[in-house]
Amino acid sequence: MTLQDVADELDFTKAALYYYVADKQDVLFRIFMQTLDMALAAVEEILHSALSPSEKMRAFIDRQVHMIAEHPALFSVYFNEKSHLTAEHARAATDKERQIVRAVAAIYQAGVEDGSFYALDPAVATFAIMGVSSWVYRWYRPGGRLSIDEVSRILQRVALQGLERPAMNHDDHSREQNV
């Protein structure tokens, strides 16, 4: 990624970028914070909405998938460059990440409490949902076989309902194949 790519993604001119940032570390930190602020605002809006926990989790996955698809350069830097942050910047980013995790965990916990979700280890369940929705940065390409809306729907289905079908007897399976 070039500095011009960064400027374009941040909606700055290259000259303005040079004016406002001290060095590459500052650019990297600003990218991290912009990315995290965007993700946190989205999940907090969903968390505080009137949606049911299941609808909130679907909305979180959908919003995350769309944000990543709409800002691939930002999220690519975010997911690949954390080790290059200074210790102070890494702490600030980690604090913001924890806020996002707590918001997703609160959605999950509300779903456990209302019976929508299985009561699993909350950390594993939360990170699984976040991983499902975030990994698209590695493989999704606009213009590919599936639209981002189709990808989002599939990920919601897999994350919230799993892949396995309930066990069926032989007659049920035969009828299903004939449908």
Protein backbone atom coordinates (compact mmCIF):
# COMPACT_ATOMS: atom_id res chain seq x y z
CA MET A 1 0.00 0.00 0.00
CA THR A 2 1.35 3.41 -0.95
CA LEU A 3 0.97 6.67 0.96
CA GLN A 4 -1.41 7.78 -1.81
CA ASP A 5 -3.56 4.71 -1.14
CA VAL A 6 -3.66 5.64 2.53
CA ALA A 7 -4.56 9.24 1.70
CA ASP A 8 -7.32 8.06 -0.64
CA GLU A 9 -8.74 5.66 1.94
CA LEU A 10 -8.70 8.33 4.64
CA ASP A 11 -10.22 10.85 2.21
CA PHE A 12 -7.19 13.16 2.50
CA THR A 13 -4.94 14.67 -0.11
CA LYS A 14 -1.41 13.37 0.08
CA ALA A 15 -0.23 16.88 1.07
CA ALA A 16 -2.79 17.07 3.88
CA LEU A 17 -1.72 13.66 5.09
CA TYR A 18 1.89 14.84 5.33
CA TYR A 19 0.76 17.99 7.13
CA TYR A 20 -1.31 16.18 9.78
CA VAL A 21 0.86 13.19 10.54
CA ALA A 22 4.25 13.18 12.14
CA ASP A 23 5.58 9.94 10.66
CA LYS A 24 4.64 6.48 9.43
CA GLN A 25 3.91 5.32 12.99
CA ASP A 26 1.41 8.15 13.34
CA VAL A 27 -0.26 7.16 10.05
CA LEU A 28 -0.47 3.55 11.18
CA PHE A 29 -1.96 4.52 14.53
CA ARG A 30 -4.53 6.80 12.88
CA ILE A 31 -5.55 3.99 10.55
CA PHE A 32 -5.97 1.68 13.51
CA MET A 33 -8.01 4.16 15.49
CA GLN A 34 -10.22 5.13 12.53
CA THR A 35 -10.91 1.46 11.83
CA LEU A 36 -11.65 0.67 15.47
CA ASP A 37 -13.78 3.80 15.96
CA MET A 38 -15.87 2.83 12.93
CA ALA A 39 -16.33 -0.74 14.19
CA LEU A 40 -17.11 0.37 17.75
CA ALA A 41 -19.69 2.92 16.62
CA ALA A 42 -21.41 0.27 14.52
CA VAL A 43 -21.58 -2.37 17.25
CA GLU A 44 -22.68 0.13 19.91
CA GLU A 45 -25.50 1.34 17.65
CA ILE A 46 -26.62 -2.25 17.21
CA LEU A 47 -26.22 -3.08 20.91
CA HIS A 48 -28.44 -0.17 21.96
CA SER A 49 -31.09 -0.79 19.29
CA ALA A 50 -34.52 -2.30 19.98
CA LEU A 51 -33.69 -5.44 17.97
CA SER A 52 -33.82 -8.89 19.54
CA PRO A 53 -30.45 -10.48 20.43
CA SER A 54 -30.62 -12.72 17.34
CA GLU A 55 -31.39 -9.75 15.11
CA LYS A 56 -28.57 -7.79 16.76
CA MET A 57 -26.07 -10.57 16.12
CA ARG A 58 -27.18 -10.82 12.48
CA ALA A 59 -26.90 -7.03 12.18
CA PHE A 60 -23.40 -7.12 13.72
CA ILE A 61 -22.21 -9.76 11.25
CA ASP A 62 -23.80 -7.90 8.34
CA ARG A 63 -22.35 -4.53 9.34
CA GLN A 64 -18.89 -5.97 9.96
CA VAL A 65 -18.84 -7.81 6.64
CA HIS A 66 -19.99 -4.71 4.75
CA MET A 67 -17.52 -2.39 6.52
CA ILE A 68 -14.64 -4.67 5.64
CA ALA A 69 -15.79 -4.98 2.03
CA GLU A 70 -16.23 -1.20 1.73
CA HIS A 71 -12.87 -0.34 3.35
CA PRO A 72 -10.55 -3.21 2.43
CA ALA A 73 -7.34 -1.18 2.67
CA LEU A 74 -8.09 0.04 6.20
CA PHE A 75 -9.02 -3.41 7.44
CA SER A 76 -6.08 -5.06 5.72
CA VAL A 77 -3.71 -2.69 7.53
CA TYR A 78 -5.61 -3.23 10.76
CA PHE A 79 -5.49 -7.02 10.60
CA ASN A 80 -1.89 -7.28 9.39
CA GLU A 81 0.11 -4.49 10.99
CA LYS A 82 -0.60 -4.43 14.74
CA SER A 83 2.86 -5.71 15.54
CA HIS A 84 4.27 -2.50 14.05
CA LEU A 85 2.49 -0.22 16.55
CA THR A 86 4.47 1.26 19.41
CA ALA A 87 3.67 -0.19 22.83
CA GLU A 88 1.63 2.89 23.73
CA HIS A 89 -0.33 2.80 20.47
CA ALA A 90 -0.88 -0.97 20.80
CA ARG A 91 -2.35 -0.43 24.30
CA ALA A 92 -4.74 2.22 22.99
CA ALA A 93 -5.82 -0.06 20.13
CA THR A 94 -6.25 -3.02 22.49
CA ASP A 95 -8.43 -0.91 24.80
CA LYS A 96 -10.70 -0.03 21.86
CA GLU A 97 -10.76 -3.67 20.71
CA ARG A 98 -11.87 -4.73 24.19
CA GLN A 99 -14.78 -2.31 24.00
CA ILE A 100 -15.88 -3.94 20.75
CA VAL A 101 -15.51 -7.43 22.24
CA ARG A 102 -17.54 -6.41 25.32
CA ALA A 103 -20.34 -5.07 23.10
CA VAL A 104 -20.50 -8.28 21.04
CA ALA A 105 -20.33 -10.34 24.26
CA ALA A 106 -23.25 -8.32 25.67
CA ILE A 107 -25.32 -9.17 22.58
CA TYR A 108 -24.41 -12.83 22.99
CA GLN A 109 -25.21 -12.81 26.72
CA ALA A 110 -28.60 -11.20 26.09
CA GLY A 111 -29.32 -14.01 23.63
CA VAL A 112 -28.35 -16.63 26.19
CA GLU A 113 -30.61 -14.98 28.75
CA ASP A 114 -33.63 -14.88 26.43
CA GLY A 115 -33.01 -18.44 25.19
CA SER A 116 -32.01 -17.47 21.63
CA PHE A 117 -28.44 -18.76 21.96
CA TYR A 118 -26.89 -21.81 23.58
CA ALA A 119 -25.04 -21.07 26.81
CA LEU A 120 -21.48 -21.71 25.63
CA ASP A 121 -18.22 -20.27 26.85
CA PRO A 122 -18.90 -16.56 26.23
CA ALA A 123 -15.35 -15.71 25.17
CA VAL A 124 -15.19 -18.52 22.61
CA ALA A 125 -18.67 -17.74 21.28
CA THR A 126 -17.90 -14.01 21.01
CA PHE A 127 -14.56 -14.49 19.28
CA ALA A 128 -16.08 -17.08 16.93
CA ILE A 129 -18.73 -14.58 15.78
CA MET A 130 -16.11 -11.87 15.40
CA GLY A 131 -13.83 -14.21 13.47
CA VAL A 132 -16.57 -15.32 11.09
CA SER A 133 -17.44 -11.74 10.27
CA SER A 134 -13.89 -10.44 10.07
CA TRP A 135 -12.11 -13.08 8.05
CA VAL A 136 -13.74 -11.85 4.82
CA TYR A 137 -10.89 -9.33 4.53
CA ARG A 138 -8.65 -12.26 3.50
CA TRP A 139 -10.79 -13.83 0.81
CA TYR A 140 -13.70 -11.72 -0.37
CA ARG A 141 -13.21 -9.97 -3.71
CA PRO A 142 -15.79 -7.56 -5.16
CA GLY A 143 -17.06 -8.74 -8.50
CA GLY A 144 -16.61 -12.35 -7.54
CA ARG A 145 -19.13 -15.15 -7.73
CA LEU A 146 -21.15 -13.90 -4.73
CA SER A 147 -22.18 -10.39 -3.77
CA ILE A 148 -21.25 -9.10 -0.33
CA ASP A 149 -24.95 -9.34 0.63
CA GLU A 150 -24.97 -13.04 -0.29
CA VAL A 151 -21.74 -13.62 1.63
CA SER A 152 -23.18 -11.83 4.65
CA ARG A 153 -26.35 -13.95 4.61
CA ILE A 154 -24.33 -17.17 4.38
CA LEU A 155 -22.04 -16.12 7.23
CA GLN A 156 -25.04 -15.19 9.38
CA ARG A 157 -26.56 -18.60 8.69
CA VAL A 158 -23.36 -20.49 9.44
CA ALA A 159 -22.53 -18.47 12.55
CA LEU A 160 -25.98 -18.52 14.10
CA GLN A 161 -27.37 -21.86 12.94
CA GLY A 162 -24.31 -23.94 12.15
CA LEU A 163 -23.70 -26.31 9.28
CA GLU A 164 -25.17 -29.53 10.64
CA ARG A 165 -28.75 -30.45 9.98
CA PRO A 166 -30.76 -32.09 12.73
CA ALA A 167 -30.60 -35.87 12.45
CA MET A 168 -33.26 -37.19 10.05
CA ASN A 169 -34.59 -40.65 9.58
CA HIS A 170 -34.26 -42.26 6.15
CA ASP A 171 -37.80 -41.30 5.02
CA ASP A 172 -37.21 -37.61 5.83
CA HIS A 173 -33.99 -37.62 3.82
CA SER A 174 -35.68 -39.23 0.81
CA ARG A 175 -38.52 -36.70 0.85
CA GLU A 176 -36.06 -33.81 1.13
CA GLN A 177 -34.10 -34.93 -1.94
CA ASN A 178 -37.31 -35.06 -3.97
CA VAL A 179 -38.33 -31.49 -3.13
